[in-house]
Each structure stands twice: as C-alpha cells, then as structure tokens.
C-alpha atoms as a PDB file:
ATOM      1  CA  UNK A   1     178.049 125.223  25.962  1.00  0.00           C
ATOM      2  CA  UNK A   2     177.211 122.656  24.319  1.00  0.00           C
ATOM      3  CA  UNK A   3     177.457 123.420  20.504  1.00  0.00           C
ATOM      4  CA  UNK A   4     176.316 119.833  19.505  1.00  0.00           C
ATOM      5  CA  UNK A   5     177.063 116.035  20.458  1.00  0.00           C
ATOM      6  CA  UNK A   6     178.205 113.739  18.174  1.00  0.00           C
ATOM      7  CA  UNK A   7     177.669 109.490  19.222  1.00  0.00           C
ATOM      8  CA  UNK A   8     175.827 106.132  19.216  1.00  0.00           C
ATOM      9  CA  UNK A   9     172.456 106.184  19.616  1.00  0.00           C
ATOM     10  CA  UNK A  10     172.410 103.717  22.464  1.00  0.00           C
ATOM     11  CA  UNK A  11     168.328 104.270  23.123  1.00  0.00           C
ATOM     12  CA  UNK A  12     165.834 106.141  20.805  1.00  0.00           C
ATOM     13  CA  UNK A  13     162.131 106.706  21.034  1.00  0.00           C
ATOM     14  CA  UNK A  14     159.919 109.375  19.383  1.00  0.00           C
ATOM     15  CA  UNK A  15     160.581 112.080  22.600  1.00  0.00           C
ATOM     16  CA  UNK A  16     164.251 111.069  23.508  1.00  0.00           C
ATOM     17  CA  UNK A  17     167.040 109.918  22.359  1.00  0.00           C
ATOM     18  CA  UNK A  18     170.387 109.005  24.071  1.00  0.00           C
ATOM     19  CA  UNK A  19     173.683 109.199  22.547  1.00  0.00           C
ATOM     20  CA  UNK A  20     176.530 107.767  23.950  1.00  0.00           C
ATOM     21  CA  UNK A  21     179.393 109.753  23.123  1.00  0.00           C
ATOM     22  CA  UNK A  22     183.010 108.493  24.205  1.00  0.00           C
ATOM     23  CA  UNK A  23     181.197 106.425  26.766  1.00  0.00           C
ATOM     24  CA  UNK A  24     179.071 109.437  28.618  1.00  0.00           C
ATOM     25  CA  UNK A  25     175.515 108.562  27.647  1.00  0.00           C
ATOM     26  CA  UNK A  26     173.395 111.719  27.192  1.00  0.00           C
ATOM     27  CA  UNK A  27     169.751 112.033  26.580  1.00  0.00           C
ATOM     28  CA  UNK A  28     168.337 114.635  24.518  1.00  0.00           C
ATOM     29  CA  UNK A  29     164.263 115.518  23.888  1.00  0.00           C
ATOM     30  CA  UNK A  30     163.486 115.487  20.648  1.00  0.00           C
ATOM     31  CA  UNK A  31     160.810 116.143  18.236  1.00  0.00           C
ATOM     32  CA  UNK A  32     158.945 113.618  15.726  1.00  0.00           C
ATOM     33  CA  UNK A  33     160.862 115.135  12.862  1.00  0.00           C
ATOM     34  CA  UNK A  34     164.296 114.876  14.769  1.00  0.00           C
ATOM     35  CA  UNK A  35     163.383 111.260  15.670  1.00  0.00           C
ATOM     36  CA  UNK A  36     162.138 110.326  11.673  1.00  0.00           C
ATOM     37  CA  UNK A  37     165.757 111.785  10.751  1.00  0.00           C
ATOM     38  CA  UNK A  38     168.141 109.473  12.718  1.00  0.00           C
ATOM     39  CA  UNK A  39     166.023 106.866  13.155  1.00  0.00           C
ATOM     40  CA  UNK A  40     167.587 103.880  11.182  1.00  0.00           C
ATOM     41  CA  UNK A  41     171.096 105.221  11.175  1.00  0.00           C
ATOM     42  CA  UNK A  42     174.040 103.708  11.761  1.00  0.00           C
ATOM     43  CA  UNK A  43     177.429 104.983  13.086  1.00  0.00           C
ATOM     44  CA  UNK A  44     177.409 108.493  14.778  1.00  0.00           C
ATOM     45  CA  UNK A  45     174.632 110.817  14.896  1.00  0.00           C
ATOM     46  CA  UNK A  46     174.787 114.477  15.519  1.00  0.00           C
ATOM     47  CA  UNK A  47     172.255 116.231  17.179  1.00  0.00           C
ATOM     48  CA  UNK A  48     172.150 120.267  17.573  1.00  0.00           C
ATOM     49  CA  UNK A  49     172.092 120.640  21.019  1.00  0.00           C
ATOM     50  CA  UNK A  50     170.166 123.765  23.206  1.00  0.00           C
ATOM     51  CA  UNK A  51     170.643 123.677  27.045  1.00  0.00           C
ATOM     52  CA  UNK A  52     167.537 124.324  29.612  1.00  0.00           C
ATOM     53  CA  UNK A  53     168.991 124.931  32.886  1.00  0.00           C
ATOM     54  CA  UNK A  54     166.636 126.031  35.577  1.00  0.00           C
ATOM     55  CA  UNK A  55     166.687 125.983  39.716  1.00  0.00           C
ATOM     56  CA  UNK A  56     164.948 122.760  39.495  1.00  0.00           C
ATOM     57  CA  UNK A  57     166.172 120.775  36.271  1.00  0.00           C
ATOM     58  CA  UNK A  58     168.790 120.569  33.511  1.00  0.00           C
ATOM     59  CA  UNK A  59     167.672 119.521  30.252  1.00  0.00           C
ATOM     60  CA  UNK A  60     169.091 119.012  26.854  1.00  0.00           C
ATOM     61  CA  UNK A  61     167.103 119.223  23.934  1.00  0.00           C
ATOM     62  CA  UNK A  62     168.862 117.612  20.685  1.00  0.00           C
ATOM     63  CA  UNK A  63     167.996 118.523  16.889  1.00  0.00           C
ATOM     64  CA  UNK A  64     169.155 117.008  14.063  1.00  0.00           C
ATOM     65  CA  UNK A  65     169.029 120.710  12.578  1.00  0.00           C
ATOM     66  CA  UNK A  66     170.409 124.381  13.184  1.00  0.00           C
ATOM     67  CA  UNK A  67     167.617 125.380  11.722  1.00  0.00           C
ATOM     68  CA  UNK A  68     165.018 123.251  13.882  1.00  0.00           C
ATOM     69  CA  UNK A  69     166.746 124.296  16.940  1.00  0.00           C
ATOM     70  CA  UNK A  70     166.357 128.312  15.229  1.00  0.00           C
ATOM     71  CA  UNK A  71     163.098 127.500  15.374  1.00  0.00           C
ATOM     72  CA  UNK A  72     162.645 126.212  18.739  1.00  0.00           C
ATOM     73  CA  UNK A  73     163.991 129.130  20.505  1.00  0.00           C
ATOM     74  CA  UNK A  74     161.983 131.965  18.833  1.00  0.00           C
ATOM     75  CA  UNK A  75     158.884 129.685  19.637  1.00  0.00           C
ATOM     76  CA  UNK A  76     160.088 129.649  23.192  1.00  0.00           C
ATOM     77  CA  UNK A  77     160.526 133.403  23.146  1.00  0.00           C
ATOM     78  CA  UNK A  78     156.504 133.655  22.770  1.00  0.00           C
ATOM     79  CA  UNK A  79     154.434 133.774  25.893  1.00  0.00           C
ATOM     80  CA  UNK A  80     153.095 131.110  26.529  1.00  0.00           C
ATOM     81  CA  UNK A  81     154.910 128.559  24.728  1.00  0.00           C
ATOM     82  CA  UNK A  82     157.510 126.451  26.433  1.00  0.00           C
ATOM     83  CA  UNK A  83     159.659 123.506  25.933  1.00  0.00           C
ATOM     84  CA  UNK A  84     156.795 121.076  25.744  1.00  0.00           C
ATOM     85  CA  UNK A  85     154.288 122.879  23.531  1.00  0.00           C
ATOM     86  CA  UNK A  86     157.524 124.768  20.755  1.00  0.00           C
ATOM     87  CA  UNK A  87     158.678 120.507  20.706  1.00  0.00           C
ATOM     88  CA  UNK A  88     154.761 119.512  20.036  1.00  0.00           C
ATOM     89  CA  UNK A  89     154.830 122.124  17.675  1.00  0.00           C
ATOM     90  CA  UNK A  90     157.958 121.259  15.487  1.00  0.00           C
ATOM     91  CA  UNK A  91     156.699 117.346  15.980  1.00  0.00           C
ATOM     92  CA  UNK A  92     153.230 117.734  13.805  1.00  0.00           C
ATOM     93  CA  UNK A  93     155.363 120.336  11.333  1.00  0.00           C
ATOM     94  CA  UNK A  94     158.705 120.290   9.622  1.00  0.00           C
ATOM     95  CA  UNK A  95     160.415 123.887   9.936  1.00  0.00           C
ATOM     96  CA  UNK A  96     159.580 124.712   6.211  1.00  0.00           C
ATOM     97  CA  UNK A  97     155.531 124.064   6.783  1.00  0.00           C
ATOM     98  CA  UNK A  98     156.180 126.004  10.204  1.00  0.00           C
ATOM     99  CA  UNK A  99     157.496 129.024   8.238  1.00  0.00           C
ATOM    100  CA  UNK A 100     154.814 128.690   5.700  1.00  0.00           C
ATOM    101  CA  UNK A 101     152.365 128.821   8.112  1.00  0.00           C
ATOM    102  CA  UNK A 102     153.678 131.746   9.969  1.00  0.00           C
ATOM    103  CA  UNK A 103     154.630 133.697   6.737  1.00  0.00           C
ATOM    104  CA  UNK A 104     150.681 133.011   5.762  1.00  0.00           C
ATOM    105  CA  UNK A 105     148.818 133.923   9.091  1.00  0.00           C
ATOM    106  CA  UNK A 106     147.438 130.288   8.890  1.00  0.00           C
ATOM    107  CA  UNK A 107     146.443 130.933  12.861  1.00  0.00           C
ATOM    108  CA  UNK A 108     143.515 127.932  12.554  1.00  0.00           C
ATOM    109  CA  UNK A 109     146.816 125.480  11.331  1.00  0.00           C
ATOM    110  CA  UNK A 110     149.210 127.002  14.068  1.00  0.00           C
ATOM    111  CA  UNK A 111     146.358 126.398  16.390  1.00  0.00           C
ATOM    112  CA  UNK A 112     145.113 122.344  15.264  1.00  0.00           C
ATOM    113  CA  UNK A 113     148.613 121.669  17.549  1.00  0.00           C
ATOM    114  CA  UNK A 114     147.377 120.309  20.841  1.00  0.00           C
ATOM    115  CA  UNK A 115     148.060 122.247  23.363  1.00  0.00           C
ATOM    116  CA  UNK A 116     147.877 125.958  21.337  1.00  0.00           C
ATOM    117  CA  UNK A 117     145.262 128.063  21.716  1.00  0.00           C
ATOM    118  CA  UNK A 118     143.968 130.793  19.039  1.00  0.00           C
ATOM    119  CA  UNK A 119     145.694 133.688  21.064  1.00  0.00           C
ATOM    120  CA  UNK A 120     148.839 131.681  21.399  1.00  0.00           C
ATOM    121  CA  UNK A 121     148.745 130.576  17.577  1.00  0.00           C
ATOM    122  CA  UNK A 122     148.107 134.936  16.981  1.00  0.00           C
ATOM    123  CA  UNK A 123     151.474 135.637  19.049  1.00  0.00           C
ATOM    124  CA  UNK A 124     153.559 133.069  17.350  1.00  0.00           C
ATOM    125  CA  UNK A 125     152.267 134.468  14.278  1.00  0.00           C
ATOM    126  CA  UNK A 126     153.282 138.487  15.605  1.00  0.00           C
ATOM    127  CA  UNK A 127     156.322 137.735  16.847  1.00  0.00           C
ATOM    128  CA  UNK A 128     158.366 135.441  14.713  1.00  0.00           C
ATOM    129  CA  UNK A 129     157.007 136.488  11.329  1.00  0.00           C
ATOM    130  CA  UNK A 130     159.795 139.035  10.610  1.00  0.00           C
ATOM    131  CA  UNK A 131     162.061 137.368  12.334  1.00  0.00           C
ATOM    132  CA  UNK A 132     161.724 133.897  10.976  1.00  0.00           C
ATOM    133  CA  UNK A 133     163.085 136.058   7.627  1.00  0.00           C
ATOM    134  CA  UNK A 134     165.533 138.075   8.742  1.00  0.00           C
ATOM    135  CA  UNK A 135     167.347 134.857  10.307  1.00  0.00           C
ATOM    136  CA  UNK A 136     166.003 133.029   6.512  1.00  0.00           C
ATOM    137  CA  UNK A 137     164.318 130.199   8.144  1.00  0.00           C
ATOM    138  CA  UNK A 138     162.116 131.252   5.782  1.00  0.00           C
ATOM    139  CA  UNK A 139     163.607 128.635   3.173  1.00  0.00           C
ATOM    140  CA  UNK A 140     162.577 124.960   2.954  1.00  0.00           C
ATOM    141  CA  UNK A 141     165.254 123.343   4.855  1.00  0.00           C
ATOM    142  CA  UNK A 142     167.388 121.519   2.721  1.00  0.00           C
ATOM    143  CA  UNK A 143     167.293 117.302   3.187  1.00  0.00           C
ATOM    144  CA  UNK A 144     170.119 115.894   4.871  1.00  0.00           C
ATOM    145  CA  UNK A 145     172.820 114.768   1.618  1.00  0.00           C
ATOM    146  CA  UNK A 146     171.791 117.161  -0.600  1.00  0.00           C
ATOM    147  CA  UNK A 147     174.391 119.690  -2.403  1.00  0.00           C
ATOM    148  CA  UNK A 148     173.675 123.510  -1.454  1.00  0.00           C
ATOM    149  CA  UNK A 149     173.137 125.638  -4.621  1.00  0.00           C
ATOM    150  CA  UNK A 150     176.463 126.910  -6.107  1.00  0.00           C
ATOM    151  CA  UNK A 151     176.537 130.864  -6.141  1.00  0.00           C
ATOM    152  CA  UNK A 152     175.578 130.980 -10.018  1.00  0.00           C
ATOM    153  CA  UNK A 153     172.040 128.955  -8.992  1.00  0.00           C
ATOM    154  CA  UNK A 154     171.898 130.952  -5.600  1.00  0.00           C
ATOM    155  CA  UNK A 155     171.548 134.096  -7.763  1.00  0.00           C
ATOM    156  CA  UNK A 156     169.003 132.670 -10.325  1.00  0.00           C
ATOM    157  CA  UNK A 157     167.115 131.376  -6.710  1.00  0.00           C
ATOM    158  CA  UNK A 158     166.844 134.664  -5.616  1.00  0.00           C
ATOM    159  CA  UNK A 159     165.836 136.625  -8.418  1.00  0.00           C
ATOM    160  CA  UNK A 160     163.001 133.817  -8.855  1.00  0.00           C
ATOM    161  CA  UNK A 161     161.474 134.525  -5.558  1.00  0.00           C
ATOM    162  CA  UNK A 162     161.825 138.108  -5.543  1.00  0.00           C
ATOM    163  CA  UNK A 163     159.740 138.329  -8.274  1.00  0.00           C
ATOM    164  CA  UNK A 164     156.894 135.681  -7.439  1.00  0.00           C
ATOM    165  CA  UNK A 165     156.647 137.400  -4.155  1.00  0.00           C
ATOM    166  CA  UNK A 166     155.951 140.038  -5.995  1.00  0.00           C
ATOM    167  CA  UNK A 167     153.166 138.265  -7.391  1.00  0.00           C
ATOM    168  CA  UNK A 168     151.444 137.851  -4.349  1.00  0.00           C
ATOM    169  CA  UNK A 169     152.745 134.322  -4.138  1.00  0.00           C
ATOM    170  CA  UNK A 170     154.481 133.475  -0.057  1.00  0.00           C
ATOM    171  CA  UNK A 171     158.473 133.597   0.178  1.00  0.00           C
ATOM    172  CA  UNK A 172     158.561 130.354   1.642  1.00  0.00           C
ATOM    173  CA  UNK A 173     156.390 127.980  -0.225  1.00  0.00           C
ATOM    174  CA  UNK A 174     158.114 130.135  -3.576  1.00  0.00           C
ATOM    175  CA  UNK A 175     161.423 129.341  -2.212  1.00  0.00           C
ATOM    176  CA  UNK A 176     160.782 125.460  -2.291  1.00  0.00           C
ATOM    177  CA  UNK A 177     159.452 125.199  -5.256  1.00  0.00           C
ATOM    178  CA  UNK A 178     162.189 127.349  -6.825  1.00  0.00           C
ATOM    179  CA  UNK A 179     165.130 125.255  -4.964  1.00  0.00           C
ATOM    180  CA  UNK A 180     163.337 121.461  -6.365  1.00  0.00           C
ATOM    181  CA  UNK A 181     162.971 123.090  -9.835  1.00  0.00           C
ATOM    182  CA  UNK A 182     166.990 124.114  -9.989  1.00  0.00           C
ATOM    183  CA  UNK A 183     167.779 121.011  -8.250  1.00  0.00           C
ATOM    184  CA  UNK A 184     165.991 119.130 -11.806  1.00  0.00           C
ATOM    185  CA  UNK A 185     166.933 121.632 -13.935  1.00  0.00           C
ATOM    186  CA  UNK A 186     170.058 122.935 -12.819  1.00  0.00           C
ATOM    187  CA  UNK A 187     170.993 125.307 -16.139  1.00  0.00           C
ATOM    188  CA  UNK A 188     167.371 126.491 -16.205  1.00  0.00           C
ATOM    189  CA  UNK A 189     167.246 130.299 -16.274  1.00  0.00           C
ATOM    190  CA  UNK A 190     165.232 132.898 -14.068  1.00  0.00           C
ATOM    191  CA  UNK A 191     162.568 133.031 -17.159  1.00  0.00           C
ATOM    192  CA  UNK A 192     162.484 129.475 -17.010  1.00  0.00           C
ATOM    193  CA  UNK A 193     162.381 128.758 -13.236  1.00  0.00           C
ATOM    194  CA  UNK A 194     159.603 131.573 -12.644  1.00  0.00           C
ATOM    195  CA  UNK A 195     156.883 130.137 -15.496  1.00  0.00           C
ATOM    196  CA  UNK A 196     157.515 126.435 -13.843  1.00  0.00           C
ATOM    197  CA  UNK A 197     157.217 127.784 -10.099  1.00  0.00           C
ATOM    198  CA  UNK A 198     153.500 129.378 -11.321  1.00  0.00           C
ATOM    199  CA  UNK A 199     152.375 125.937 -12.341  1.00  0.00           C
ATOM    200  CA  UNK A 200     153.599 124.543  -9.080  1.00  0.00           C
ATOM    201  CA  UNK A 201     152.211 127.226  -6.846  1.00  0.00           C
END
C-alpha cells in the first residue's frame, strides 16, 4: 500500500499531477483543491495516495491533505458515488465546506455538484453525517504552514464549540470561527471566544 508520494512536479494540470520520485513518474488523479494547494510550489511536493485497483485499471489518486483523502474514501463508499463523482464534489467544495454542507443537511448545495442528483445528495448526508463527526472531519482543515493549537487552546476551543453547538449553531462553522479567533487572540477566554464567535456566525 502506498501512503504518500514525495517528489518534484514533472507535469501538472487541474486534474492530474505527475510526481517524479527517484526517477519514476507517478501519475495521480487530483482534485481542484489539491491542484490549487500545490500549484506554484517549488521543490518536493507530498501527496497522500489512494490506490484504486480494478480488473481493468490501476489508478492512483493524490490529495494535498489526509482529510481530503478521507472524505474521498467516505464519498466513494456511498452508493452511486464513484471516484470521478467524488473528485467533482471535492473540486467544488473545500473539505471544511463539504463537511459543513453534510452537517447542515444542505442537499441543494450538494446537488449543485455536476452529476449529483437529489437522491445521491440525500444518501451522502444520511450515510456520512455521523462518520465525519466520528472521524473528526467536521473540523475546518488546517491550512499549510499553520501551527496546530496548543493543549490549552484546544481545551478552550472544545468548550467554546460545545457551547455554540448547544446554542444551535452547526459544529463545522462554529469550529472554523473559534479556531480563527484563537489564532488572532491566543489568550482569549472561553467566554470571549464565544462572544466573538456569536458575532461571526
């Protein structure tokens, strides 16, 4: 099993990245989000890999983050969603936006992705809502270069998100707002974080 490939970009398009790793060129199908993340990067690029092995094809999929790969696997576990459909969905939404849409049960937004009908959108919501929470994928994805929050900040973050959720706000946008506030004001108390988040949500 290939976990990731690190190499220089030999060729890049919005749907395909060719990474040269020790003289071997690996062609990986990518989403628009991954394309945006690695476009213009110099030096080595690291893409997380999913291998799709069928009788008639051996396909590599590449992702800039583990969260995007996890969402791809969850999407393809839903009946009626294949690799191409999952790529279209993940090209139209960031992982955080997709998780938010699933959490809110926004079938109209999911249906806006090309090739996704109402029934498929409903299946995605029903089958994945609990899974993305269980795997922690309902959290806004950390941007490259950002430092993870400290243990103390994590405690404040968790308390604030729990309070906002109890107040009726969806977990994903609450999490995104709270993380943004803590990055801007690392010493903010739980109360202040909640008050600021209420103005943003």
